[in-house]
Amino acid sequence: MDTRHLVDPELLPALALFPPFDIAEPGLENLRSMMDGLAPTPESLVCDDIALQRITVPASPAGPELGIILHRPVGQTGSLPLYFHIHGGGFVLGSAIMSSPANIVLAREVGCVVASVDYRLSPEVTGQQPVEDCYRALCWLAGNAQSHGIDPSRIAIGGESAGGGLAASLALMVRDRGTIALAMQMLICPMLDDRTQGDHPHCGEFVWTAEANAAAWALRIGNEDVVQDRRGYIAAARADDLQGVAPAYIAVGSLDLFLEEDIAYARRLARAGVPVDLHVYAGGYHGFELAADASATRRTMEDRFSVLRRTFQGDGS
């Protein structure tokens, strides 16, 4: 496969910023150590207009303590809408603080509280447990909304890559359990299907490959029977029924490994009567937003801010 000529020229330089994703041991531990070293420090995130606060979801019979980083616009009074964010990393990497620079910008541009959760990673936990962590954190925030200045009637969820896949599964779980009325699910290049679609002639050459995807899913699934995952709590694409889930915004690059599974999920949502807003960005590979100055990145970020603003104002899809 040689698709470099199809990459948006403005996005080409950023390809050198991505490490090879060697998910198999001992590569995974090396990757985790490297990413920990790249994480921003709390001091580097201090700014005048967005306050950061680390809070803890108490341990319960359902699981241990979970950390959440809140990003809140300074000086805004009253209850603000909540964007509940789930970080990416193939289910096996990443942390909430790695996403804080982007979440600061989102909180500033949208005027909402952004909460990013440190769910447990695989292979330490498998199956639907990472989604259960996210569900427990979301319910705890909704239940303590007043003390954190959150409007519980205006909650959206979302994430990137694995975080987008977890958000899709979380939307299914919230629907099934009837606990929270979600305003929207924002799925950015979501990792939805364990049946790695690696035969597309123009997708998956860069950043996140079919090989990395298969290795990451194997660690996430563990010994679980994913074929029986009819509710979609492990892989959202396996859910039998998508009716009644929150309206969806889905964005993916045209060269992303997840292009076809994301389009297929958008089609299924639409056929189930769920409002869905699908964006495919020409020449974009997985994680192309790292090219911060590229016009495609500016366009996709403004699209996200815009749909969140409209959703929280009550006239979005």
C-alpha atoms as a PDB file:
ATOM      1  CA  MET A   1       0.000   0.000   0.000  1.00  0.00           C
ATOM      2  CA  ASP A   2       1.316   3.428  -0.933  1.00  0.00           C
ATOM      3  CA  THR A   3      -1.125   6.212  -0.165  1.00  0.00           C
ATOM      4  CA  ARG A   4       1.204   9.089   0.659  1.00  0.00           C
ATOM      5  CA  HIS A   5       0.136  10.870  -2.523  1.00  0.00           C
ATOM      6  CA  LEU A   6      -3.448  10.912  -1.177  1.00  0.00           C
ATOM      7  CA  VAL A   7      -2.514  12.634   2.099  1.00  0.00           C
ATOM      8  CA  ASP A   8      -3.468  16.295   2.378  1.00  0.00           C
ATOM      9  CA  PRO A   9      -0.072  18.022   1.777  1.00  0.00           C
ATOM     10  CA  GLU A  10      -0.520  20.180   4.872  1.00  0.00           C
ATOM     11  CA  LEU A  11      -0.820  17.017   6.964  1.00  0.00           C
ATOM     12  CA  LEU A  12       2.313  15.259   5.701  1.00  0.00           C
ATOM     13  CA  PRO A  13       4.867  16.856   8.086  1.00  0.00           C
ATOM     14  CA  ALA A  14       2.939  15.717  11.180  1.00  0.00           C
ATOM     15  CA  LEU A  15       3.326  12.060  10.211  1.00  0.00           C
ATOM     16  CA  ALA A  16       6.865  12.164  11.599  1.00  0.00           C
ATOM     17  CA  LEU A  17       5.481  13.022  15.057  1.00  0.00           C
ATOM     18  CA  PHE A  18       3.771   9.658  15.520  1.00  0.00           C
ATOM     19  CA  PRO A  19       5.705   6.740  17.053  1.00  0.00           C
ATOM     20  CA  PRO A  20       5.274   3.202  15.740  1.00  0.00           C
ATOM     21  CA  PHE A  21       2.496   1.597  17.770  1.00  0.00           C
ATOM     22  CA  ASP A  22       4.035  -1.692  18.905  1.00  0.00           C
ATOM     23  CA  ILE A  23       1.195  -3.018  21.042  1.00  0.00           C
ATOM     24  CA  ALA A  24       2.618  -6.482  21.763  1.00  0.00           C
ATOM     25  CA  GLU A  25       4.720  -6.979  24.892  1.00  0.00           C
ATOM     26  CA  PRO A  26       7.253  -5.582  25.712  1.00  0.00           C
ATOM     27  CA  GLY A  27       6.407  -2.855  23.243  1.00  0.00           C
ATOM     28  CA  LEU A  28       3.292  -1.846  25.156  1.00  0.00           C
ATOM     29  CA  GLU A  29       5.188  -1.036  28.348  1.00  0.00           C
ATOM     30  CA  ASN A  30       7.717   0.956  26.368  1.00  0.00           C
ATOM     31  CA  LEU A  31       4.912   2.891  24.695  1.00  0.00           C
ATOM     32  CA  ARG A  32       3.259   3.609  28.024  1.00  0.00           C
ATOM     33  CA  SER A  33       6.512   4.876  29.491  1.00  0.00           C
ATOM     34  CA  MET A  34       7.134   7.085  26.481  1.00  0.00           C
ATOM     35  CA  MET A  35       3.622   8.566  26.621  1.00  0.00           C
ATOM     36  CA  ASP A  36       3.911   9.168  30.364  1.00  0.00           C
ATOM     37  CA  GLY A  37       7.061  11.126  29.631  1.00  0.00           C
ATOM     38  CA  LEU A  38       5.234  13.249  27.056  1.00  0.00           C
ATOM     39  CA  ALA A  39       2.292  14.047  29.314  1.00  0.00           C
ATOM     40  CA  PRO A  40       1.961  17.738  30.198  1.00  0.00           C
ATOM     41  CA  THR A  41       2.599  18.738  33.781  1.00  0.00           C
ATOM     42  CA  PRO A  42      -0.173  20.442  35.765  1.00  0.00           C
ATOM     43  CA  GLU A  43       2.000  23.565  35.894  1.00  0.00           C
ATOM     44  CA  SER A  44       2.229  23.739  32.110  1.00  0.00           C
ATOM     45  CA  LEU A  45      -1.566  23.700  31.831  1.00  0.00           C
ATOM     46  CA  VAL A  46      -2.192  26.748  34.030  1.00  0.00           C
ATOM     47  CA  CYS A  47      -4.072  29.487  32.174  1.00  0.00           C
ATOM     48  CA  ASP A  48      -6.146  32.488  33.181  1.00  0.00           C
ATOM     49  CA  ASP A  49      -9.490  31.524  31.682  1.00  0.00           C
ATOM     50  CA  ILE A  50      -9.810  27.764  32.267  1.00  0.00           C
ATOM     51  CA  ALA A  51      -9.471  26.213  35.722  1.00  0.00           C
ATOM     52  CA  LEU A  52      -8.368  22.601  36.046  1.00  0.00           C
ATOM     53  CA  GLN A  53      -9.391  20.443  38.974  1.00  0.00           C
ATOM     54  CA  ARG A  54      -8.650  16.785  39.605  1.00  0.00           C
ATOM     55  CA  ILE A  55     -11.472  15.004  41.413  1.00  0.00           C
ATOM     56  CA  THR A  56     -12.033  11.396  42.394  1.00  0.00           C
ATOM     57  CA  VAL A  57     -14.997   9.108  41.900  1.00  0.00           C
ATOM     58  CA  PRO A  58     -15.170   7.051  45.108  1.00  0.00           C
ATOM     59  CA  ALA A  59     -14.589   3.332  45.025  1.00  0.00           C
ATOM     60  CA  SER A  60     -17.709   1.178  45.079  1.00  0.00           C
ATOM     61  CA  PRO A  61     -18.633  -2.489  44.717  1.00  0.00           C
ATOM     62  CA  ALA A  62     -18.575  -1.801  40.960  1.00  0.00           C
ATOM     63  CA  GLY A  63     -14.927  -0.796  40.939  1.00  0.00           C
ATOM     64  CA  PRO A  64     -12.027   1.206  42.402  1.00  0.00           C
ATOM     65  CA  GLU A  65     -11.561   4.957  42.605  1.00  0.00           C
ATOM     66  CA  LEU A  66     -11.463   6.726  39.248  1.00  0.00           C
ATOM     67  CA  GLY A  67      -9.755  10.031  38.504  1.00  0.00           C
ATOM     68  CA  ILE A  68     -11.425  12.814  36.541  1.00  0.00           C
ATOM     69  CA  ILE A  69      -9.922  16.091  35.343  1.00  0.00           C
ATOM     70  CA  LEU A  70     -12.425  18.942  35.166  1.00  0.00           C
ATOM     71  CA  HIS A  71     -11.773  21.877  32.813  1.00  0.00           C
ATOM     72  CA  ARG A  72     -14.056  24.795  33.654  1.00  0.00           C
ATOM     73  CA  PRO A  73     -14.267  28.311  32.189  1.00  0.00           C
ATOM     74  CA  VAL A  74     -13.297  30.883  34.811  1.00  0.00           C
ATOM     75  CA  GLY A  75     -15.773  33.586  35.709  1.00  0.00           C
ATOM     76  CA  GLN A  76     -18.868  31.888  34.326  1.00  0.00           C
ATOM     77  CA  THR A  77     -21.601  31.648  36.922  1.00  0.00           C
ATOM     78  CA  GLY A  78     -24.431  29.187  37.169  1.00  0.00           C
ATOM     79  CA  SER A  79     -24.563  25.648  35.874  1.00  0.00           C
ATOM     80  CA  LEU A  80     -22.715  24.936  32.639  1.00  0.00           C
ATOM     81  CA  PRO A  81     -23.265  22.109  30.146  1.00  0.00           C
ATOM     82  CA  LEU A  82     -20.958  19.107  30.419  1.00  0.00           C
ATOM     83  CA  TYR A  83     -18.888  17.417  27.751  1.00  0.00           C
ATOM     84  CA  PHE A  84     -17.827  14.057  29.204  1.00  0.00           C
ATOM     85  CA  HIS A  85     -14.621  13.140  27.402  1.00  0.00           C
ATOM     86  CA  ILE A  86     -13.021   9.697  27.016  1.00  0.00           C
ATOM     87  CA  HIS A  87      -9.397   9.690  25.879  1.00  0.00           C
ATOM     88  CA  GLY A  88      -7.996   7.543  23.083  1.00  0.00           C
ATOM     89  CA  GLY A  89      -5.075   5.158  23.007  1.00  0.00           C
ATOM     90  CA  GLY A  90      -6.303   1.878  21.559  1.00  0.00           C
ATOM     91  CA  PHE A  91      -7.833   0.890  24.924  1.00  0.00           C
ATOM     92  CA  VAL A  92      -4.301   0.201  26.162  1.00  0.00           C
ATOM     93  CA  LEU A  93      -2.618   3.623  26.276  1.00  0.00           C
ATOM     94  CA  GLY A  94      -3.279   7.194  27.260  1.00  0.00           C
ATOM     95  CA  SER A  95      -4.540   9.258  30.157  1.00  0.00           C
ATOM     96  CA  ALA A  96      -6.884  12.122  30.843  1.00  0.00           C
ATOM     97  CA  ILE A  97      -4.076  14.634  31.288  1.00  0.00           C
ATOM     98  CA  MET A  98      -2.703  13.881  27.815  1.00  0.00           C
ATOM     99  CA  SER A  99      -5.935  15.324  26.424  1.00  0.00           C
ATOM    100  CA  SER A 100      -6.001  18.378  28.687  1.00  0.00           C
ATOM    101  CA  PRO A 101      -4.461  20.829  26.160  1.00  0.00           C
ATOM    102  CA  ALA A 102      -7.226  20.010  23.664  1.00  0.00           C
ATOM    103  CA  ASN A 103      -9.887  19.943  26.376  1.00  0.00           C
ATOM    104  CA  ILE A 104      -8.839  23.398  27.590  1.00  0.00           C
ATOM    105  CA  VAL A 105      -9.430  24.741  24.088  1.00  0.00           C
ATOM    106  CA  LEU A 106     -12.783  22.961  23.850  1.00  0.00           C
ATOM    107  CA  ALA A 107     -13.946  24.324  27.217  1.00  0.00           C
ATOM    108  CA  ARG A 108     -12.911  27.819  26.129  1.00  0.00           C
ATOM    109  CA  GLU A 109     -14.501  27.689  22.674  1.00  0.00           C
ATOM    110  CA  VAL A 110     -17.767  26.021  23.694  1.00  0.00           C
ATOM    111  CA  GLY A 111     -18.190  27.532  27.153  1.00  0.00           C
ATOM    112  CA  CYS A 112     -18.791  24.216  28.880  1.00  0.00           C
ATOM    113  CA  VAL A 113     -17.257  22.038  31.555  1.00  0.00           C
ATOM    114  CA  VAL A 114     -15.103  19.288  30.072  1.00  0.00           C
ATOM    115  CA  ALA A 115     -14.586  16.229  32.270  1.00  0.00           C
ATOM    116  CA  SER A 116     -12.025  13.644  31.154  1.00  0.00           C
ATOM    117  CA  VAL A 117     -11.963  10.293  32.922  1.00  0.00           C
ATOM    118  CA  ASP A 118      -9.041   7.985  33.639  1.00  0.00           C
ATOM    119  CA  TYR A 119     -10.767   4.678  32.975  1.00  0.00           C
ATOM    120  CA  ARG A 120      -8.810   1.465  33.522  1.00  0.00           C
ATOM    121  CA  LEU A 121      -6.810   0.261  30.552  1.00  0.00           C
ATOM    122  CA  SER A 122      -6.468  -3.157  28.956  1.00  0.00           C
ATOM    123  CA  PRO A 123      -5.123  -5.775  29.336  1.00  0.00           C
ATOM    124  CA  GLU A 124      -5.430  -5.035  33.062  1.00  0.00           C
ATOM    125  CA  VAL A 125      -9.202  -5.011  32.556  1.00  0.00           C
ATOM    126  CA  THR A 126     -11.052  -6.537  29.621  1.00  0.00           C
ATOM    127  CA  GLY A 127     -14.473  -6.898  28.078  1.00  0.00           C
ATOM    128  CA  GLN A 128     -17.030  -4.264  29.013  1.00  0.00           C
ATOM    129  CA  GLN A 129     -15.191  -3.139  32.162  1.00  0.00           C
ATOM    130  CA  PRO A 130     -13.686   0.037  30.624  1.00  0.00           C
ATOM    131  CA  VAL A 131     -17.206   1.107  29.611  1.00  0.00           C
ATOM    132  CA  GLU A 132     -18.477   0.329  33.100  1.00  0.00           C
ATOM    133  CA  ASP A 133     -15.756   2.630  34.476  1.00  0.00           C
ATOM    134  CA  CYS A 134     -16.894   5.416  32.159  1.00  0.00           C
ATOM    135  CA  TYR A 135     -20.541   4.787  33.039  1.00  0.00           C
ATOM    136  CA  ARG A 136     -19.817   4.939  36.774  1.00  0.00           C
ATOM    137  CA  ALA A 137     -17.868   8.188  36.380  1.00  0.00           C
ATOM    138  CA  LEU A 138     -20.591   9.766  34.231  1.00  0.00           C
ATOM    139  CA  CYS A 139     -23.372   8.782  36.641  1.00  0.00           C
ATOM    140  CA  TRP A 140     -21.376  10.079  39.606  1.00  0.00           C
ATOM    141  CA  LEU A 141     -20.847  13.423  37.884  1.00  0.00           C
ATOM    142  CA  ALA A 142     -24.521  13.677  36.965  1.00  0.00           C
ATOM    143  CA  GLY A 143     -25.470  12.822  40.536  1.00  0.00           C
ATOM    144  CA  ASN A 144     -23.124  15.480  41.902  1.00  0.00           C
ATOM    145  CA  ALA A 145     -23.803  18.028  39.184  1.00  0.00           C
ATOM    146  CA  GLN A 146     -24.808  20.860  41.482  1.00  0.00           C
ATOM    147  CA  SER A 147     -21.620  20.758  43.523  1.00  0.00           C
ATOM    148  CA  HIS A 148     -19.531  20.963  40.336  1.00  0.00           C
ATOM    149  CA  GLY A 149     -21.573  23.629  38.565  1.00  0.00           C
ATOM    150  CA  ILE A 150     -22.917  21.259  35.915  1.00  0.00           C
ATOM    151  CA  ASP A 151     -26.320  21.365  34.261  1.00  0.00           C
ATOM    152  CA  PRO A 152     -27.477  17.706  34.295  1.00  0.00           C
ATOM    153  CA  SER A 153     -29.973  18.403  31.514  1.00  0.00           C
ATOM    154  CA  ARG A 154     -27.173  19.298  29.089  1.00  0.00           C
ATOM    155  CA  ILE A 155     -24.677  16.434  28.946  1.00  0.00           C
ATOM    156  CA  ALA A 156     -22.833  15.238  25.845  1.00  0.00           C
ATOM    157  CA  ILE A 157     -20.290  12.441  25.690  1.00  0.00           C
ATOM    158  CA  GLY A 158     -17.493  11.727  23.267  1.00  0.00           C
ATOM    159  CA  GLY A 159     -13.920  10.843  22.559  1.00  0.00           C
ATOM    160  CA  GLU A 160     -11.323  10.071  19.946  1.00  0.00           C
ATOM    161  CA  SER A 161     -10.309   6.690  18.507  1.00  0.00           C
ATOM    162  CA  ALA A 162     -10.671   4.149  21.329  1.00  0.00           C
ATOM    163  CA  GLY A 163     -12.321   6.919  23.337  1.00  0.00           C
ATOM    164  CA  GLY A 164     -14.847   7.332  20.545  1.00  0.00           C
ATOM    165  CA  GLY A 165     -15.525   3.608  20.566  1.00  0.00           C
ATOM    166  CA  LEU A 166     -16.008   3.660  24.327  1.00  0.00           C
ATOM    167  CA  ALA A 167     -18.324   6.666  23.992  1.00  0.00           C
ATOM    168  CA  ALA A 168     -20.453   4.777  21.455  1.00  0.00           C
ATOM    169  CA  SER A 169     -20.698   1.820  23.835  1.00  0.00           C
ATOM    170  CA  LEU A 170     -21.414   4.184  26.728  1.00  0.00           C
ATOM    171  CA  ALA A 171     -24.293   5.720  24.779  1.00  0.00           C
ATOM    172  CA  LEU A 172     -25.746   2.228  24.346  1.00  0.00           C
ATOM    173  CA  MET A 173     -25.327   1.464  28.052  1.00  0.00           C
ATOM    174  CA  VAL A 174     -26.942   4.755  29.085  1.00  0.00           C
ATOM    175  CA  ARG A 175     -29.889   4.041  26.793  1.00  0.00           C
ATOM    176  CA  ASP A 176     -30.306   0.509  28.129  1.00  0.00           C
ATOM    177  CA  ARG A 177     -30.143   1.525  31.793  1.00  0.00           C
ATOM    178  CA  GLY A 178     -32.242   4.658  31.406  1.00  0.00           C
ATOM    179  CA  THR A 179     -30.174   6.715  33.827  1.00  0.00           C
ATOM    180  CA  ILE A 180     -29.218   9.887  31.949  1.00  0.00           C
ATOM    181  CA  ALA A 181     -30.703  11.792  29.016  1.00  0.00           C
ATOM    182  CA  LEU A 182     -27.728  12.456  26.746  1.00  0.00           C
ATOM    183  CA  ALA A 183     -27.799  15.423  24.403  1.00  0.00           C
ATOM    184  CA  MET A 184     -25.273  13.958  21.964  1.00  0.00           C
ATOM    185  CA  GLN A 185     -22.464  11.491  21.377  1.00  0.00           C
ATOM    186  CA  MET A 186     -19.419  12.918  19.603  1.00  0.00           C
ATOM    187  CA  LEU A 187     -17.429  10.107  17.986  1.00  0.00           C
ATOM    188  CA  ILE A 188     -14.087  11.185  16.522  1.00  0.00           C
ATOM    189  CA  CYS A 189     -12.496   8.511  14.289  1.00  0.00           C
ATOM    190  CA  PRO A 190     -14.115   5.974  16.636  1.00  0.00           C
ATOM    191  CA  MET A 191     -12.703   2.461  17.108  1.00  0.00           C
ATOM    192  CA  LEU A 192     -15.969   0.540  16.858  1.00  0.00           C
ATOM    193  CA  ASP A 193     -15.375  -2.931  15.455  1.00  0.00           C
ATOM    194  CA  ASP A 194     -13.045  -5.721  16.561  1.00  0.00           C
ATOM    195  CA  ARG A 195     -13.341  -7.316  13.105  1.00  0.00           C
ATOM    196  CA  THR A 196     -10.441  -5.277  11.775  1.00  0.00           C
ATOM    197  CA  GLN A 197     -11.271  -3.978   8.316  1.00  0.00           C
ATOM    198  CA  GLY A 198      -7.784  -3.889   6.913  1.00  0.00           C
ATOM    199  CA  ASP A 199      -8.391  -4.651   3.253  1.00  0.00           C
ATOM    200  CA  HIS A 200      -9.362  -1.153   2.113  1.00  0.00           C
ATOM    201  CA  PRO A 201      -6.867  -0.224  -0.621  1.00  0.00           C
ATOM    202  CA  HIS A 202      -6.391   3.326   0.668  1.00  0.00           C
ATOM    203  CA  CYS A 203      -6.914   3.174   4.428  1.00  0.00           C
ATOM    204  CA  GLY A 204      -4.727   2.330   7.388  1.00  0.00           C
ATOM    205  CA  GLU A 205      -1.221   2.814   6.058  1.00  0.00           C
ATOM    206  CA  PHE A 206      -0.359   5.561   8.513  1.00  0.00           C
ATOM    207  CA  VAL A 207      -0.317   5.864  12.321  1.00  0.00           C
ATOM    208  CA  TRP A 208      -2.866   3.185  13.319  1.00  0.00           C
ATOM    209  CA  THR A 209      -2.547   0.085  11.178  1.00  0.00           C
ATOM    210  CA  ALA A 210      -4.609  -3.087  10.894  1.00  0.00           C
ATOM    211  CA  GLU A 211      -1.861  -4.931  12.793  1.00  0.00           C
ATOM    212  CA  ALA A 212      -1.911  -2.480  15.704  1.00  0.00           C
ATOM    213  CA  ASN A 213      -5.703  -2.558  15.704  1.00  0.00           C
ATOM    214  CA  ALA A 214      -5.884  -6.338  15.876  1.00  0.00           C
ATOM    215  CA  ALA A 215      -3.320  -6.458  18.701  1.00  0.00           C
ATOM    216  CA  ALA A 216      -5.133  -3.782  20.712  1.00  0.00           C
ATOM    217  CA  TRP A 217      -8.521  -5.464  20.304  1.00  0.00           C
ATOM    218  CA  ALA A 218      -7.054  -8.793  21.402  1.00  0.00           C
ATOM    219  CA  LEU A 219      -5.877  -7.179  24.652  1.00  0.00           C
ATOM    220  CA  ARG A 220      -9.240  -5.463  25.159  1.00  0.00           C
ATOM    221  CA  ILE A 221     -11.298  -8.616  24.541  1.00  0.00           C
ATOM    222  CA  GLY A 222      -9.113 -10.979  26.580  1.00  0.00           C
ATOM    223  CA  ASN A 223     -11.053 -14.172  27.216  1.00  0.00           C
ATOM    224  CA  GLU A 224     -14.471 -12.585  26.648  1.00  0.00           C
ATOM    225  CA  ASP A 225     -16.798 -13.938  23.964  1.00  0.00           C
ATOM    226  CA  VAL A 226     -17.102 -10.826  21.817  1.00  0.00           C
ATOM    227  CA  VAL A 227     -19.345 -12.643  19.337  1.00  0.00           C
ATOM    228  CA  GLN A 228     -22.039 -12.635  22.025  1.00  0.00           C
ATOM    229  CA  ASP A 229     -21.642  -8.886  22.598  1.00  0.00           C
ATOM    230  CA  ARG A 230     -25.130  -8.158  21.255  1.00  0.00           C
ATOM    231  CA  ARG A 231     -25.482  -5.007  23.373  1.00  0.00           C
ATOM    232  CA  GLY A 232     -22.307  -3.468  21.979  1.00  0.00           C
ATOM    233  CA  TYR A 233     -20.653  -2.913  25.347  1.00  0.00           C
ATOM    234  CA  ILE A 234     -17.326  -4.282  24.072  1.00  0.00           C
ATOM    235  CA  ALA A 235     -17.527  -3.330  20.403  1.00  0.00           C
ATOM    236  CA  ALA A 236     -20.333  -0.917  19.571  1.00  0.00           C
ATOM    237  CA  ALA A 237     -20.522  -2.181  15.980  1.00  0.00           C
ATOM    238  CA  ARG A 238     -21.741  -5.546  17.288  1.00  0.00           C
ATOM    239  CA  ALA A 239     -24.849  -4.061  18.937  1.00  0.00           C
ATOM    240  CA  ASP A 240     -28.023  -5.583  17.540  1.00  0.00           C
ATOM    241  CA  ASP A 241     -30.159  -2.506  18.159  1.00  0.00           C
ATOM    242  CA  LEU A 242     -29.147   1.150  17.822  1.00  0.00           C
ATOM    243  CA  GLN A 243     -32.594   2.655  18.223  1.00  0.00           C
ATOM    244  CA  GLY A 244     -33.008   5.315  20.866  1.00  0.00           C
ATOM    245  CA  VAL A 245     -29.361   6.197  21.417  1.00  0.00           C
ATOM    246  CA  ALA A 246     -28.279   9.821  21.611  1.00  0.00           C
ATOM    247  CA  PRO A 247     -27.869  11.811  18.385  1.00  0.00           C
ATOM    248  CA  ALA A 248     -24.420  11.257  16.926  1.00  0.00           C
ATOM    249  CA  TYR A 249     -21.686  13.337  15.355  1.00  0.00           C
ATOM    250  CA  ILE A 250     -19.072  11.174  13.615  1.00  0.00           C
ATOM    251  CA  ALA A 251     -15.854  12.485  12.048  1.00  0.00           C
ATOM    252  CA  VAL A 252     -13.109  10.485  10.315  1.00  0.00           C
ATOM    253  CA  GLY A 253     -10.358  11.015   7.767  1.00  0.00           C
ATOM    254  CA  SER A 254     -10.633   9.482   4.313  1.00  0.00           C
ATOM    255  CA  LEU A 255      -7.399   7.497   4.844  1.00  0.00           C
ATOM    256  CA  ASP A 256      -8.170   6.370   8.391  1.00  0.00           C
ATOM    257  CA  LEU A 257      -8.293   2.628   9.039  1.00  0.00           C
ATOM    258  CA  PHE A 258     -11.697   3.194  10.647  1.00  0.00           C
ATOM    259  CA  LEU A 259     -13.274   4.918   7.628  1.00  0.00           C
ATOM    260  CA  GLU A 260     -15.514   2.066   6.517  1.00  0.00           C
ATOM    261  CA  GLU A 261     -16.608   0.907   9.975  1.00  0.00           C
ATOM    262  CA  ASP A 262     -17.427   4.495  10.922  1.00  0.00           C
ATOM    263  CA  ILE A 263     -19.475   5.055   7.770  1.00  0.00           C
ATOM    264  CA  ALA A 264     -21.227   1.723   8.343  1.00  0.00           C
ATOM    265  CA  TYR A 265     -22.093   2.728  11.913  1.00  0.00           C
ATOM    266  CA  ALA A 266     -23.407   6.098  10.750  1.00  0.00           C
ATOM    267  CA  ARG A 267     -25.588   4.315   8.194  1.00  0.00           C
ATOM    268  CA  ARG A 268     -26.953   1.956  10.840  1.00  0.00           C
ATOM    269  CA  LEU A 269     -27.699   4.845  13.181  1.00  0.00           C
ATOM    270  CA  ALA A 270     -29.595   6.661  10.443  1.00  0.00           C
ATOM    271  CA  ARG A 271     -31.574   3.531   9.572  1.00  0.00           C
ATOM    272  CA  ALA A 272     -32.460   3.184  13.270  1.00  0.00           C
ATOM    273  CA  GLY A 273     -33.911   6.692  13.268  1.00  0.00           C
ATOM    274  CA  VAL A 274     -31.028   8.289  15.170  1.00  0.00           C
ATOM    275  CA  PRO A 275     -29.989  11.775  13.986  1.00  0.00           C
ATOM    276  CA  VAL A 276     -26.424  11.453  12.705  1.00  0.00           C
ATOM    277  CA  ASP A 277     -24.005  14.050  11.349  1.00  0.00           C
ATOM    278  CA  LEU A 278     -21.168  12.346   9.419  1.00  0.00           C
ATOM    279  CA  HIS A 279     -18.009  14.181   8.326  1.00  0.00           C
ATOM    280  CA  VAL A 280     -15.245  12.632   6.206  1.00  0.00           C
ATOM    281  CA  TYR A 281     -12.124  14.778   5.846  1.00  0.00           C
ATOM    282  CA  ALA A 282     -10.282  14.290   2.570  1.00  0.00           C
ATOM    283  CA  GLY A 283      -6.639  13.307   2.885  1.00  0.00           C
ATOM    284  CA  GLY A 284      -6.844  12.772   6.628  1.00  0.00           C
ATOM    285  CA  TYR A 285      -5.128   9.856   8.369  1.00  0.00           C
ATOM    286  CA  HIS A 286      -5.782   8.661  11.935  1.00  0.00           C
ATOM    287  CA  GLY A 287      -4.985  11.480  14.338  1.00  0.00           C
ATOM    288  CA  PHE A 288      -4.303  14.056  11.632  1.00  0.00           C
ATOM    289  CA  GLU A 289      -5.383  16.801  14.060  1.00  0.00           C
ATOM    290  CA  LEU A 290      -1.852  16.724  15.442  1.00  0.00           C
ATOM    291  CA  ALA A 291      -1.060  18.975  12.472  1.00  0.00           C
ATOM    292  CA  ALA A 292      -2.468  21.912  14.402  1.00  0.00           C
ATOM    293  CA  ASP A 293      -1.916  24.587  11.743  1.00  0.00           C
ATOM    294  CA  ALA A 294      -3.376  22.648   8.817  1.00  0.00           C
ATOM    295  CA  SER A 295      -6.599  23.967   7.332  1.00  0.00           C
ATOM    296  CA  ALA A 296      -8.185  20.502   7.636  1.00  0.00           C
ATOM    297  CA  THR A 297      -7.468  20.515  11.367  1.00  0.00           C
ATOM    298  CA  ARG A 298      -8.883  24.003  11.826  1.00  0.00           C
ATOM    299  CA  ARG A 299     -11.981  22.955   9.887  1.00  0.00           C
ATOM    300  CA  THR A 300     -12.593  19.755  11.855  1.00  0.00           C
ATOM    301  CA  MET A 301     -12.084  21.462  15.207  1.00  0.00           C
ATOM    302  CA  GLU A 302     -14.472  24.290  14.375  1.00  0.00           C
ATOM    303  CA  ASP A 303     -17.020  21.711  13.171  1.00  0.00           C
ATOM    304  CA  ARG A 304     -16.848  20.018  16.576  1.00  0.00           C
ATOM    305  CA  PHE A 305     -17.092  23.252  18.521  1.00  0.00           C
ATOM    306  CA  SER A 306     -20.015  24.367  16.391  1.00  0.00           C
ATOM    307  CA  VAL A 307     -22.073  21.213  16.848  1.00  0.00           C
ATOM    308  CA  LEU A 308     -21.459  21.233  20.599  1.00  0.00           C
ATOM    309  CA  ARG A 309     -22.485  24.870  20.861  1.00  0.00           C
ATOM    310  CA  ARG A 310     -25.697  24.191  18.944  1.00  0.00           C
ATOM    311  CA  THR A 311     -26.422  21.087  20.988  1.00  0.00           C
ATOM    312  CA  PHE A 312     -25.993  22.854  24.301  1.00  0.00           C
ATOM    313  CA  GLN A 313     -28.099  25.775  23.100  1.00  0.00           C
ATOM    314  CA  GLY A 314     -30.893  23.328  22.316  1.00  0.00           C
ATOM    315  CA  ASP A 315     -30.996  23.609  18.538  1.00  0.00           C
ATOM    316  CA  GLY A 316     -28.340  21.114  17.495  1.00  0.00           C
ATOM    317  CA  SER A 317     -28.852  17.678  16.028  1.00  0.00           C
END
